[in-house]
Amino acid sequence: MDVKNTNAEVSTTTLNRNQIEMPTDNIYEAISIMAKRATQISTEIKKELIEKLDEFATYNDSLDEIFENKEQIEVSKFYERLPKPHAFAVEEWLEEKIYYRNTDSDNE
């Protein structure tokens, strides 16, 4: 997932309910799918952030050697300014980038 090149909204916006429920014909199912995707996105972003912050980690026990790392602060600020995971999930849903299937209809 490329978080830098996204059109996801940073703030709250009103969406067309019909457009959201159109692929599944059920608003609750659509929201459930987007929620699961948002959880996946959140996990990916958290893992990526931890990997980047680990590059700056120092493993000294001395409190005298703690200092501000400007690069570490910039990385943290970048991730704080990102749109929320649910905004990424809604964007992917509206652009039809999320694959889903109904297992109940597959069994019939």
PDB file of N, CA and C in Angstrom:
ATOM      1  N   MET A   1       0.838  -1.173   0.000  1.00  0.00           N
ATOM      2  CA  MET A   1       0.000   0.000   0.000  1.00  0.00           C
ATOM      3  C   MET A   1       0.880   1.231   0.000  1.00  0.00           C
ATOM      4  N   ASP A   2       0.611   2.135  -0.904  1.00  0.00           N
ATOM      5  CA  ASP A   2       1.389   3.359  -1.028  1.00  0.00           C
ATOM      6  C   ASP A   2       0.651   4.494  -0.335  1.00  0.00           C
ATOM      7  N   VAL A   3       1.072   4.829   0.871  1.00  0.00           N
ATOM      8  CA  VAL A   3       0.379   5.859   1.641  1.00  0.00           C
ATOM      9  C   VAL A   3       0.718   7.265   1.172  1.00  0.00           C
ATOM     10  N   LYS A   4       1.798   7.422   0.433  1.00  0.00           N
ATOM     11  CA  LYS A   4       2.189   8.749  -0.022  1.00  0.00           C
ATOM     12  C   LYS A   4       1.358   9.222  -1.197  1.00  0.00           C
ATOM     13  N   ASN A   5       0.960   8.323  -2.075  1.00  0.00           N
ATOM     14  CA  ASN A   5       0.189   8.686  -3.263  1.00  0.00           C
ATOM     15  C   ASN A   5      -1.245   8.209  -3.107  1.00  0.00           C
ATOM     16  N   THR A   6      -1.995   8.933  -2.308  1.00  0.00           N
ATOM     17  CA  THR A   6      -3.377   8.553  -2.068  1.00  0.00           C
ATOM     18  C   THR A   6      -4.275   9.781  -2.130  1.00  0.00           C
ATOM     19  N   ASN A   7      -5.518   9.541  -2.456  1.00  0.00           N
ATOM     20  CA  ASN A   7      -6.502  10.623  -2.488  1.00  0.00           C
ATOM     21  C   ASN A   7      -7.461  10.526  -1.314  1.00  0.00           C
ATOM     22  N   ALA A   8      -7.114   9.751  -0.310  1.00  0.00           N
ATOM     23  CA  ALA A   8      -7.985   9.567   0.851  1.00  0.00           C
ATOM     24  C   ALA A   8      -8.132  10.894   1.587  1.00  0.00           C
ATOM     25  N   GLU A   9      -9.337  11.119   2.089  1.00  0.00           N
ATOM     26  CA  GLU A   9      -9.640  12.355   2.802  1.00  0.00           C
ATOM     27  C   GLU A   9      -9.011  12.345   4.189  1.00  0.00           C
ATOM     28  N   VAL A  10      -8.467  13.475   4.583  1.00  0.00           N
ATOM     29  CA  VAL A  10      -7.879  13.607   5.910  1.00  0.00           C
ATOM     30  C   VAL A  10      -8.967  13.970   6.918  1.00  0.00           C
ATOM     31  N   SER A  11      -9.959  14.712   6.464  1.00  0.00           N
ATOM     32  CA  SER A  11     -11.039  15.105   7.363  1.00  0.00           C
ATOM     33  C   SER A  11     -12.314  14.338   7.016  1.00  0.00           C
ATOM     34  N   THR A  12     -13.327  14.521   7.829  1.00  0.00           N
ATOM     35  CA  THR A  12     -14.592  13.832   7.641  1.00  0.00           C
ATOM     36  C   THR A  12     -15.345  14.401   6.448  1.00  0.00           C
ATOM     37  N   THR A  13     -15.871  13.512   5.616  1.00  0.00           N
ATOM     38  CA  THR A  13     -16.672  13.944   4.473  1.00  0.00           C
ATOM     39  C   THR A  13     -17.955  13.117   4.410  1.00  0.00           C
ATOM     40  N   THR A  14     -18.954  13.690   3.767  1.00  0.00           N
ATOM     41  CA  THR A  14     -20.207  12.982   3.570  1.00  0.00           C
ATOM     42  C   THR A  14     -20.108  12.178   2.287  1.00  0.00           C
ATOM     43  N   LEU A  15     -20.543  10.937   2.345  1.00  0.00           N
ATOM     44  CA  LEU A  15     -20.473  10.058   1.187  1.00  0.00           C
ATOM     45  C   LEU A  15     -21.879   9.660   0.756  1.00  0.00           C
ATOM     46  N   ASN A  16     -22.015   9.270  -0.495  1.00  0.00           N
ATOM     47  CA  ASN A  16     -23.280   8.826  -1.041  1.00  0.00           C
ATOM     48  C   ASN A  16     -23.529   7.382  -0.591  1.00  0.00           C
ATOM     49  N   ARG A  17     -24.573   7.185   0.180  1.00  0.00           N
ATOM     50  CA  ARG A  17     -24.887   5.858   0.720  1.00  0.00           C
ATOM     51  C   ARG A  17     -25.123   4.857  -0.401  1.00  0.00           C
ATOM     52  N   ASN A  18     -25.815   5.261  -1.434  1.00  0.00           N
ATOM     53  CA  ASN A  18     -26.112   4.355  -2.551  1.00  0.00           C
ATOM     54  C   ASN A  18     -24.841   3.888  -3.250  1.00  0.00           C
ATOM     55  N   GLN A  19     -23.881   4.776  -3.359  1.00  0.00           N
ATOM     56  CA  GLN A  19     -22.614   4.427  -4.001  1.00  0.00           C
ATOM     57  C   GLN A  19     -21.844   3.409  -3.153  1.00  0.00           C
ATOM     58  N   ILE A  20     -21.940   3.529  -1.853  1.00  0.00           N
ATOM     59  CA  ILE A  20     -21.230   2.615  -0.957  1.00  0.00           C
ATOM     60  C   ILE A  20     -21.864   1.229  -0.967  1.00  0.00           C
ATOM     61  N   GLU A  21     -23.182   1.163  -0.940  1.00  0.00           N
ATOM     62  CA  GLU A  21     -23.842  -0.142  -0.841  1.00  0.00           C
ATOM     63  C   GLU A  21     -24.067  -0.811  -2.188  1.00  0.00           C
ATOM     64  N   MET A  22     -23.823  -0.110  -3.293  1.00  0.00           N
ATOM     65  CA  MET A  22     -24.105  -0.647  -4.622  1.00  0.00           C
ATOM     66  C   MET A  22     -23.450  -2.011  -4.904  1.00  0.00           C
ATOM     67  N   PRO A  23     -22.175  -2.223  -4.634  1.00  0.00           N
ATOM     68  CA  PRO A  23     -21.566  -3.525  -4.973  1.00  0.00           C
ATOM     69  C   PRO A  23     -22.173  -4.717  -4.221  1.00  0.00           C
ATOM     70  N   THR A  24     -22.647  -4.500  -2.991  1.00  0.00           N
ATOM     71  CA  THR A  24     -23.148  -5.618  -2.193  1.00  0.00           C
ATOM     72  C   THR A  24     -24.660  -5.597  -2.023  1.00  0.00           C
ATOM     73  N   ASP A  25     -25.303  -4.490  -2.337  1.00  0.00           N
ATOM     74  CA  ASP A  25     -26.736  -4.284  -2.107  1.00  0.00           C
ATOM     75  C   ASP A  25     -27.093  -4.371  -0.624  1.00  0.00           C
ATOM     76  N   ASN A  26     -26.108  -4.150   0.240  1.00  0.00           N
ATOM     77  CA  ASN A  26     -26.338  -4.198   1.675  1.00  0.00           C
ATOM     78  C   ASN A  26     -25.330  -3.269   2.342  1.00  0.00           C
ATOM     79  N   ILE A  27     -25.822  -2.191   2.931  1.00  0.00           N
ATOM     80  CA  ILE A  27     -24.931  -1.193   3.531  1.00  0.00           C
ATOM     81  C   ILE A  27     -24.117  -1.783   4.673  1.00  0.00           C
ATOM     82  N   TYR A  28     -24.702  -2.689   5.440  1.00  0.00           N
ATOM     83  CA  TYR A  28     -23.998  -3.274   6.586  1.00  0.00           C
ATOM     84  C   TYR A  28     -22.865  -4.187   6.134  1.00  0.00           C
ATOM     85  N   GLU A  29     -23.104  -4.925   5.082  1.00  0.00           N
ATOM     86  CA  GLU A  29     -22.057  -5.788   4.538  1.00  0.00           C
ATOM     87  C   GLU A  29     -20.911  -4.951   3.974  1.00  0.00           C
ATOM     88  N   ALA A  30     -21.256  -3.864   3.282  1.00  0.00           N
ATOM     89  CA  ALA A  30     -20.228  -2.983   2.721  1.00  0.00           C
ATOM     90  C   ALA A  30     -19.381  -2.357   3.826  1.00  0.00           C
ATOM     91  N   ILE A  31     -20.036  -1.914   4.891  1.00  0.00           N
ATOM     92  CA  ILE A  31     -19.303  -1.310   6.010  1.00  0.00           C
ATOM     93  C   ILE A  31     -18.429  -2.348   6.693  1.00  0.00           C
ATOM     94  N   SER A  32     -18.927  -3.571   6.817  1.00  0.00           N
ATOM     95  CA  SER A  32     -18.142  -4.641   7.430  1.00  0.00           C
ATOM     96  C   SER A  32     -16.890  -4.938   6.609  1.00  0.00           C
ATOM     97  N   ILE A  33     -17.029  -4.973   5.299  1.00  0.00           N
ATOM     98  CA  ILE A  33     -15.883  -5.221   4.416  1.00  0.00           C
ATOM     99  C   ILE A  33     -14.864  -4.100   4.549  1.00  0.00           C
ATOM    100  N   MET A  34     -15.341  -2.849   4.555  1.00  0.00           N
ATOM    101  CA  MET A  34     -14.425  -1.713   4.689  1.00  0.00           C
ATOM    102  C   MET A  34     -13.754  -1.708   6.056  1.00  0.00           C
ATOM    103  N   ALA A  35     -14.463  -2.110   7.100  1.00  0.00           N
ATOM    104  CA  ALA A  35     -13.880  -2.155   8.447  1.00  0.00           C
ATOM    105  C   ALA A  35     -12.761  -3.188   8.523  1.00  0.00           C
ATOM    106  N   LYS A  36     -12.986  -4.347   7.904  1.00  0.00           N
ATOM    107  CA  LYS A  36     -11.935  -5.373   7.897  1.00  0.00           C
ATOM    108  C   LYS A  36     -10.713  -4.888   7.134  1.00  0.00           C
ATOM    109  N   ARG A  37     -10.936  -4.193   6.021  1.00  0.00           N
ATOM    110  CA  ARG A  37      -9.817  -3.654   5.239  1.00  0.00           C
ATOM    111  C   ARG A  37      -9.097  -2.565   6.024  1.00  0.00           C
ATOM    112  N   ALA A  38      -9.838  -1.738   6.745  1.00  0.00           N
ATOM    113  CA  ALA A  38      -9.220  -0.683   7.555  1.00  0.00           C
ATOM    114  C   ALA A  38      -8.314  -1.283   8.625  1.00  0.00           C
ATOM    115  N   THR A  39      -8.729  -2.403   9.200  1.00  0.00           N
ATOM    116  CA  THR A  39      -7.898  -3.092  10.195  1.00  0.00           C
ATOM    117  C   THR A  39      -6.606  -3.591   9.553  1.00  0.00           C
ATOM    118  N   GLN A  40      -6.704  -4.139   8.340  1.00  0.00           N
ATOM    119  CA  GLN A  40      -5.514  -4.595   7.621  1.00  0.00           C
ATOM    120  C   GLN A  40      -4.578  -3.426   7.329  1.00  0.00           C
ATOM    121  N   ILE A  41      -5.140  -2.319   6.877  1.00  0.00           N
ATOM    122  CA  ILE A  41      -4.332  -1.139   6.545  1.00  0.00           C
ATOM    123  C   ILE A  41      -3.650  -0.607   7.803  1.00  0.00           C
ATOM    124  N   SER A  42      -4.380  -0.549   8.901  1.00  0.00           N
ATOM    125  CA  SER A  42      -3.819  -0.067  10.158  1.00  0.00           C
ATOM    126  C   SER A  42      -2.632  -0.917  10.582  1.00  0.00           C
ATOM    127  N   THR A  43      -2.757  -2.216  10.440  1.00  0.00           N
ATOM    128  CA  THR A  43      -1.670  -3.131  10.795  1.00  0.00           C
ATOM    129  C   THR A  43      -0.450  -2.900   9.899  1.00  0.00           C
ATOM    130  N   GLU A  44      -0.690  -2.714   8.605  1.00  0.00           N
ATOM    131  CA  GLU A  44       0.418  -2.465   7.671  1.00  0.00           C
ATOM    132  C   GLU A  44       1.144  -1.166   7.997  1.00  0.00           C
ATOM    133  N   ILE A  45       0.393  -0.113   8.274  1.00  0.00           N
ATOM    134  CA  ILE A  45       0.996   1.187   8.581  1.00  0.00           C
ATOM    135  C   ILE A  45       1.783   1.112   9.880  1.00  0.00           C
ATOM    136  N   LYS A  46       1.223   0.447  10.890  1.00  0.00           N
ATOM    137  CA  LYS A  46       1.910   0.324  12.175  1.00  0.00           C
ATOM    138  C   LYS A  46       3.209  -0.445  12.026  1.00  0.00           C
ATOM    139  N   LYS A  47       3.176  -1.533  11.258  1.00  0.00           N
ATOM    140  CA  LYS A  47       4.381  -2.330  11.039  1.00  0.00           C
ATOM    141  C   LYS A  47       5.449  -1.507  10.309  1.00  0.00           C
ATOM    142  N   GLU A  48       5.032  -0.752   9.305  1.00  0.00           N
ATOM    143  CA  GLU A  48       5.957   0.090   8.548  1.00  0.00           C
ATOM    144  C   GLU A  48       6.573   1.171   9.435  1.00  0.00           C
ATOM    145  N   LEU A  49       5.757   1.789  10.297  1.00  0.00           N
ATOM    146  CA  LEU A  49       6.254   2.828  11.198  1.00  0.00           C
ATOM    147  C   LEU A  49       7.257   2.252  12.189  1.00  0.00           C
ATOM    148  N   ILE A  50       6.948   1.109  12.752  1.00  0.00           N
ATOM    149  CA  ILE A  50       7.857   0.483  13.718  1.00  0.00           C
ATOM    150  C   ILE A  50       9.193   0.148  13.064  1.00  0.00           C
ATOM    151  N   GLU A  51       9.151  -0.354  11.815  1.00  0.00           N
ATOM    152  CA  GLU A  51      10.393  -0.668  11.099  1.00  0.00           C
ATOM    153  C   GLU A  51      11.233   0.588  10.891  1.00  0.00           C
ATOM    154  N   LYS A  52      10.582   1.697  10.533  1.00  0.00           N
ATOM    155  CA  LYS A  52      11.333   2.943  10.304  1.00  0.00           C
ATOM    156  C   LYS A  52      11.888   3.505  11.606  1.00  0.00           C
ATOM    157  N   LEU A  53      11.126   3.410  12.680  1.00  0.00           N
ATOM    158  CA  LEU A  53      11.606   3.941  13.958  1.00  0.00           C
ATOM    159  C   LEU A  53      12.698   3.076  14.561  1.00  0.00           C
ATOM    160  N   ASP A  54      12.702   1.787  14.236  1.00  0.00           N
ATOM    161  CA  ASP A  54      13.754   0.896  14.735  1.00  0.00           C
ATOM    162  C   ASP A  54      15.125   1.271  14.171  1.00  0.00           C
ATOM    163  N   GLU A  55      15.146   1.928  13.027  1.00  0.00           N
ATOM    164  CA  GLU A  55      16.421   2.374  12.449  1.00  0.00           C
ATOM    165  C   GLU A  55      17.094   3.404  13.348  1.00  0.00           C
ATOM    166  N   PHE A  56      16.292   4.148  14.111  1.00  0.00           N
ATOM    167  CA  PHE A  56      16.828   5.204  14.965  1.00  0.00           C
ATOM    168  C   PHE A  56      17.038   4.742  16.394  1.00  0.00           C
ATOM    169  N   ALA A  57      16.692   3.519  16.700  1.00  0.00           N
ATOM    170  CA  ALA A  57      16.742   3.030  18.081  1.00  0.00           C
ATOM    171  C   ALA A  57      18.177   2.927  18.575  1.00  0.00           C
ATOM    172  N   THR A  58      18.362   3.351  19.794  1.00  0.00           N
ATOM    173  CA  THR A  58      19.642   3.169  20.470  1.00  0.00           C
ATOM    174  C   THR A  58      19.386   2.288  21.679  1.00  0.00           C
ATOM    175  N   TYR A  59      20.283   1.395  21.938  1.00  0.00           N
ATOM    176  CA  TYR A  59      20.098   0.434  23.011  1.00  0.00           C
ATOM    177  C   TYR A  59      21.061   0.701  24.165  1.00  0.00           C
ATOM    178  N   ASN A  60      21.158   1.955  24.533  1.00  0.00           N
ATOM    179  CA  ASN A  60      22.007   2.331  25.670  1.00  0.00           C
ATOM    180  C   ASN A  60      21.143   2.506  26.907  1.00  0.00           C
ATOM    181  N   ASP A  61      21.673   2.124  28.041  1.00  0.00           N
ATOM    182  CA  ASP A  61      20.938   2.270  29.294  1.00  0.00           C
ATOM    183  C   ASP A  61      21.193   3.617  29.961  1.00  0.00           C
ATOM    184  N   SER A  62      22.103   4.369  29.425  1.00  0.00           N
ATOM    185  CA  SER A  62      22.467   5.638  30.035  1.00  0.00           C
ATOM    186  C   SER A  62      21.468   6.730  29.637  1.00  0.00           C
ATOM    187  N   LEU A  63      20.933   7.420  30.619  1.00  0.00           N
ATOM    188  CA  LEU A  63      19.996   8.507  30.339  1.00  0.00           C
ATOM    189  C   LEU A  63      20.717   9.755  29.840  1.00  0.00           C
ATOM    190  N   ASP A  64      22.013   9.847  30.076  1.00  0.00           N
ATOM    191  CA  ASP A  64      22.770  11.015  29.646  1.00  0.00           C
ATOM    192  C   ASP A  64      22.909  11.076  28.131  1.00  0.00           C
ATOM    193  N   GLU A  65      22.774   9.954  27.463  1.00  0.00           N
ATOM    194  CA  GLU A  65      23.015   9.922  26.023  1.00  0.00           C
ATOM    195  C   GLU A  65      21.737  10.042  25.200  1.00  0.00           C
ATOM    196  N   ILE A  66      20.611  10.324  25.846  1.00  0.00           N
ATOM    197  CA  ILE A  66      19.356  10.494  25.111  1.00  0.00           C
ATOM    198  C   ILE A  66      19.358  11.876  24.468  1.00  0.00           C
ATOM    199  N   PHE A  67      19.056  11.909  23.193  1.00  0.00           N
ATOM    200  CA  PHE A  67      19.015  13.180  22.476  1.00  0.00           C
ATOM    201  C   PHE A  67      17.887  13.141  21.448  1.00  0.00           C
ATOM    202  N   GLU A  68      17.519  14.324  20.978  1.00  0.00           N
ATOM    203  CA  GLU A  68      16.461  14.403  19.980  1.00  0.00           C
ATOM    204  C   GLU A  68      17.011  14.037  18.618  1.00  0.00           C
ATOM    205  N   ASN A  69      16.322  13.172  17.954  1.00  0.00           N
ATOM    206  CA  ASN A  69      16.689  12.804  16.603  1.00  0.00           C
ATOM    207  C   ASN A  69      15.670  13.434  15.665  1.00  0.00           C
ATOM    208  N   LYS A  70      16.105  14.431  14.907  1.00  0.00           N
ATOM    209  CA  LYS A  70      15.189  15.182  14.046  1.00  0.00           C
ATOM    210  C   LYS A  70      14.542  14.302  12.980  1.00  0.00           C
ATOM    211  N   GLU A  71      15.286  13.344  12.444  1.00  0.00           N
ATOM    212  CA  GLU A  71      14.716  12.460  11.432  1.00  0.00           C
ATOM    213  C   GLU A  71      13.602  11.601  12.021  1.00  0.00           C
ATOM    214  N   GLN A  72      13.806  11.127  13.228  1.00  0.00           N
ATOM    215  CA  GLN A  72      12.804  10.308  13.901  1.00  0.00           C
ATOM    216  C   GLN A  72      11.531  11.124  14.143  1.00  0.00           C
ATOM    217  N   ILE A  73      11.682  12.370  14.520  1.00  0.00           N
ATOM    218  CA  ILE A  73      10.536  13.241  14.752  1.00  0.00           C
ATOM    219  C   ILE A  73       9.786  13.486  13.446  1.00  0.00           C
ATOM    220  N   GLU A  74      10.514  13.696  12.367  1.00  0.00           N
ATOM    221  CA  GLU A  74       9.871  13.923  11.070  1.00  0.00           C
ATOM    222  C   GLU A  74       9.096  12.692  10.600  1.00  0.00           C
ATOM    223  N   VAL A  75       9.657  11.508  10.808  1.00  0.00           N
ATOM    224  CA  VAL A  75       8.963  10.272  10.433  1.00  0.00           C
ATOM    225  C   VAL A  75       7.670  10.146  11.234  1.00  0.00           C
ATOM    226  N   SER A  76       7.748  10.415  12.529  1.00  0.00           N
ATOM    227  CA  SER A  76       6.562  10.321  13.379  1.00  0.00           C
ATOM    228  C   SER A  76       5.500  11.331  12.957  1.00  0.00           C
ATOM    229  N   LYS A  77       5.905  12.544  12.652  1.00  0.00           N
ATOM    230  CA  LYS A  77       4.959  13.572  12.224  1.00  0.00           C
ATOM    231  C   LYS A  77       4.310  13.215  10.891  1.00  0.00           C
ATOM    232  N   PHE A  78       5.074  12.607   9.995  1.00  0.00           N
ATOM    233  CA  PHE A  78       4.509  12.191   8.710  1.00  0.00           C
ATOM    234  C   PHE A  78       3.376  11.195   8.913  1.00  0.00           C
ATOM    235  N   TYR A  79       3.611  10.205   9.769  1.00  0.00           N
ATOM    236  CA  TYR A  79       2.590   9.187  10.008  1.00  0.00           C
ATOM    237  C   TYR A  79       1.402   9.741  10.781  1.00  0.00           C
ATOM    238  N   GLU A  80       1.618  10.762  11.604  1.00  0.00           N
ATOM    239  CA  GLU A  80       0.508  11.387  12.316  1.00  0.00           C
ATOM    240  C   GLU A  80      -0.400  12.162  11.368  1.00  0.00           C
ATOM    241  N   ARG A  81       0.173  12.714  10.295  1.00  0.00           N
ATOM    242  CA  ARG A  81      -0.603  13.516   9.337  1.00  0.00           C
ATOM    243  C   ARG A  81      -1.328  12.678   8.289  1.00  0.00           C
ATOM    244  N   LEU A  82      -1.061  11.393   8.245  1.00  0.00           N
ATOM    245  CA  LEU A  82      -1.718  10.529   7.256  1.00  0.00           C
ATOM    246  C   LEU A  82      -3.220  10.454   7.518  1.00  0.00           C
ATOM    247  N   PRO A  83      -3.992  10.209   6.464  1.00  0.00           N
ATOM    248  CA  PRO A  83      -5.428   9.938   6.688  1.00  0.00           C
ATOM    249  C   PRO A  83      -5.585   8.675   7.524  1.00  0.00           C
ATOM    250  N   LYS A  84      -6.696   8.576   8.190  1.00  0.00           N
ATOM    251  CA  LYS A  84      -6.967   7.404   9.036  1.00  0.00           C
ATOM    252  C   LYS A  84      -7.173   6.172   8.164  1.00  0.00           C
ATOM    253  N   PRO A  85      -6.929   4.983   8.701  1.00  0.00           N
ATOM    254  CA  PRO A  85      -7.082   3.750   7.923  1.00  0.00           C
ATOM    255  C   PRO A  85      -8.476   3.573   7.311  1.00  0.00           C
ATOM    256  N   HIS A  86      -9.521   4.029   8.019  1.00  0.00           N
ATOM    257  CA  HIS A  86     -10.854   3.879   7.442  1.00  0.00           C
ATOM    258  C   HIS A  86     -11.020   4.743   6.202  1.00  0.00           C
ATOM    259  N   ALA A  87     -10.317   5.876   6.134  1.00  0.00           N
ATOM    260  CA  ALA A  87     -10.389   6.723   4.937  1.00  0.00           C
ATOM    261  C   ALA A  87      -9.730   6.021   3.748  1.00  0.00           C
ATOM    262  N   PHE A  88      -8.608   5.326   4.004  1.00  0.00           N
ATOM    263  CA  PHE A  88      -7.977   4.536   2.937  1.00  0.00           C
ATOM    264  C   PHE A  88      -8.920   3.435   2.465  1.00  0.00           C
ATOM    265  N   ALA A  89      -9.581   2.763   3.418  1.00  0.00           N
ATOM    266  CA  ALA A  89     -10.484   1.664   3.080  1.00  0.00           C
ATOM    267  C   ALA A  89     -11.674   2.167   2.262  1.00  0.00           C
ATOM    268  N   VAL A  90     -12.235   3.301   2.632  1.00  0.00           N
ATOM    269  CA  VAL A  90     -13.366   3.859   1.878  1.00  0.00           C
ATOM    270  C   VAL A  90     -12.921   4.226   0.471  1.00  0.00           C
ATOM    271  N   GLU A  91     -11.742   4.821   0.357  1.00  0.00           N
ATOM    272  CA  GLU A  91     -11.226   5.180  -0.971  1.00  0.00           C
ATOM    273  C   GLU A  91     -11.061   3.932  -1.838  1.00  0.00           C
ATOM    274  N   GLU A  92     -10.469   2.885  -1.281  1.00  0.00           N
ATOM    275  CA  GLU A  92     -10.291   1.639  -2.027  1.00  0.00           C
ATOM    276  C   GLU A  92     -11.636   1.027  -2.408  1.00  0.00           C
ATOM    277  N   TRP A  93     -12.617   1.097  -1.510  1.00  0.00           N
ATOM    278  CA  TRP A  93     -13.940   0.541  -1.787  1.00  0.00           C
ATOM    279  C   TRP A  93     -14.606   1.281  -2.950  1.00  0.00           C
ATOM    280  N   LEU A  94     -14.539   2.611  -2.911  1.00  0.00           N
ATOM    281  CA  LEU A  94     -15.182   3.404  -3.959  1.00  0.00           C
ATOM    282  C   LEU A  94     -14.482   3.243  -5.306  1.00  0.00           C
ATOM    283  N   GLU A  95     -13.191   2.954  -5.283  1.00  0.00           N
ATOM    284  CA  GLU A  95     -12.439   2.732  -6.527  1.00  0.00           C
ATOM    285  C   GLU A  95     -12.445   1.264  -6.936  1.00  0.00           C
ATOM    286  N   GLU A  96     -13.215   0.444  -6.214  1.00  0.00           N
ATOM    287  CA  GLU A  96     -13.369  -0.989  -6.485  1.00  0.00           C
ATOM    288  C   GLU A  96     -12.036  -1.743  -6.478  1.00  0.00           C
ATOM    289  N   LYS A  97     -11.194  -1.417  -5.506  1.00  0.00           N
ATOM    290  CA  LYS A  97      -9.894  -2.073  -5.365  1.00  0.00           C
ATOM    291  C   LYS A  97      -9.910  -3.175  -4.300  1.00  0.00           C
ATOM    292  N   ILE A  98     -11.040  -3.333  -3.618  1.00  0.00           N
ATOM    293  CA  ILE A  98     -11.142  -4.347  -2.571  1.00  0.00           C
ATOM    294  C   ILE A  98     -11.835  -5.571  -3.148  1.00  0.00           C
ATOM    295  N   TYR A  99     -11.180  -6.714  -3.026  1.00  0.00           N
ATOM    296  CA  TYR A  99     -11.783  -7.971  -3.468  1.00  0.00           C
ATOM    297  C   TYR A  99     -12.556  -8.564  -2.308  1.00  0.00           C
ATOM    298  N   TYR A 100     -13.755  -8.968  -2.557  1.00  0.00           N
ATOM    299  CA  TYR A 100     -14.566  -9.628  -1.542  1.00  0.00           C
ATOM    300  C   TYR A 100     -15.438 -10.670  -2.225  1.00  0.00           C
ATOM    301  N   ARG A 101     -15.918 -11.601  -1.428  1.00  0.00           N
ATOM    302  CA  ARG A 101     -16.863 -12.585  -1.963  1.00  0.00           C
ATOM    303  C   ARG A 101     -17.783 -13.015  -0.833  1.00  0.00           C
ATOM    304  N   ASN A 102     -18.969 -13.384  -1.205  1.00  0.00           N
ATOM    305  CA  ASN A 102     -19.950 -13.833  -0.233  1.00  0.00           C
ATOM    306  C   ASN A 102     -19.915 -15.347  -0.182  1.00  0.00           C
ATOM    307  N   THR A 103     -19.425 -15.879   0.909  1.00  0.00           N
ATOM    308  CA  THR A 103     -19.271 -17.338   1.018  1.00  0.00           C
ATOM    309  C   THR A 103     -20.617 -18.036   1.156  1.00  0.00           C
ATOM    310  N   ASP A 104     -21.649 -17.339   1.628  1.00  0.00           N
ATOM    311  CA  ASP A 104     -22.969 -17.956   1.732  1.00  0.00           C
ATOM    312  C   ASP A 104     -23.533 -18.291   0.351  1.00  0.00           C
ATOM    313  N   SER A 105     -23.348 -17.395  -0.604  1.00  0.00           N
ATOM    314  CA  SER A 105     -23.874 -17.657  -1.945  1.00  0.00           C
ATOM    315  C   SER A 105     -23.017 -18.679  -2.691  1.00  0.00           C
ATOM    316  N   ASP A 106     -21.737 -18.841  -2.297  1.00  0.00           N
ATOM    317  CA  ASP A 106     -20.873 -19.840  -2.922  1.00  0.00           C
ATOM    318  C   ASP A 106     -21.296 -21.265  -2.544  1.00  0.00           C
ATOM    319  N   ASN A 107     -21.827 -21.412  -1.335  1.00  0.00           N
ATOM    320  CA  ASN A 107     -22.202 -22.741  -0.859  1.00  0.00           C
ATOM    321  C   ASN A 107     -23.503 -23.251  -1.453  1.00  0.00           C
ATOM    322  N   GLU A 108     -24.334 -22.349  -1.956  1.00  0.00           N
ATOM    323  CA  GLU A 108     -25.649 -22.749  -2.489  1.00  0.00           C
ATOM    324  C   GLU A 108     -25.570 -23.336  -3.868  1.00  0.00           C
TER     325      GLU A 108
END
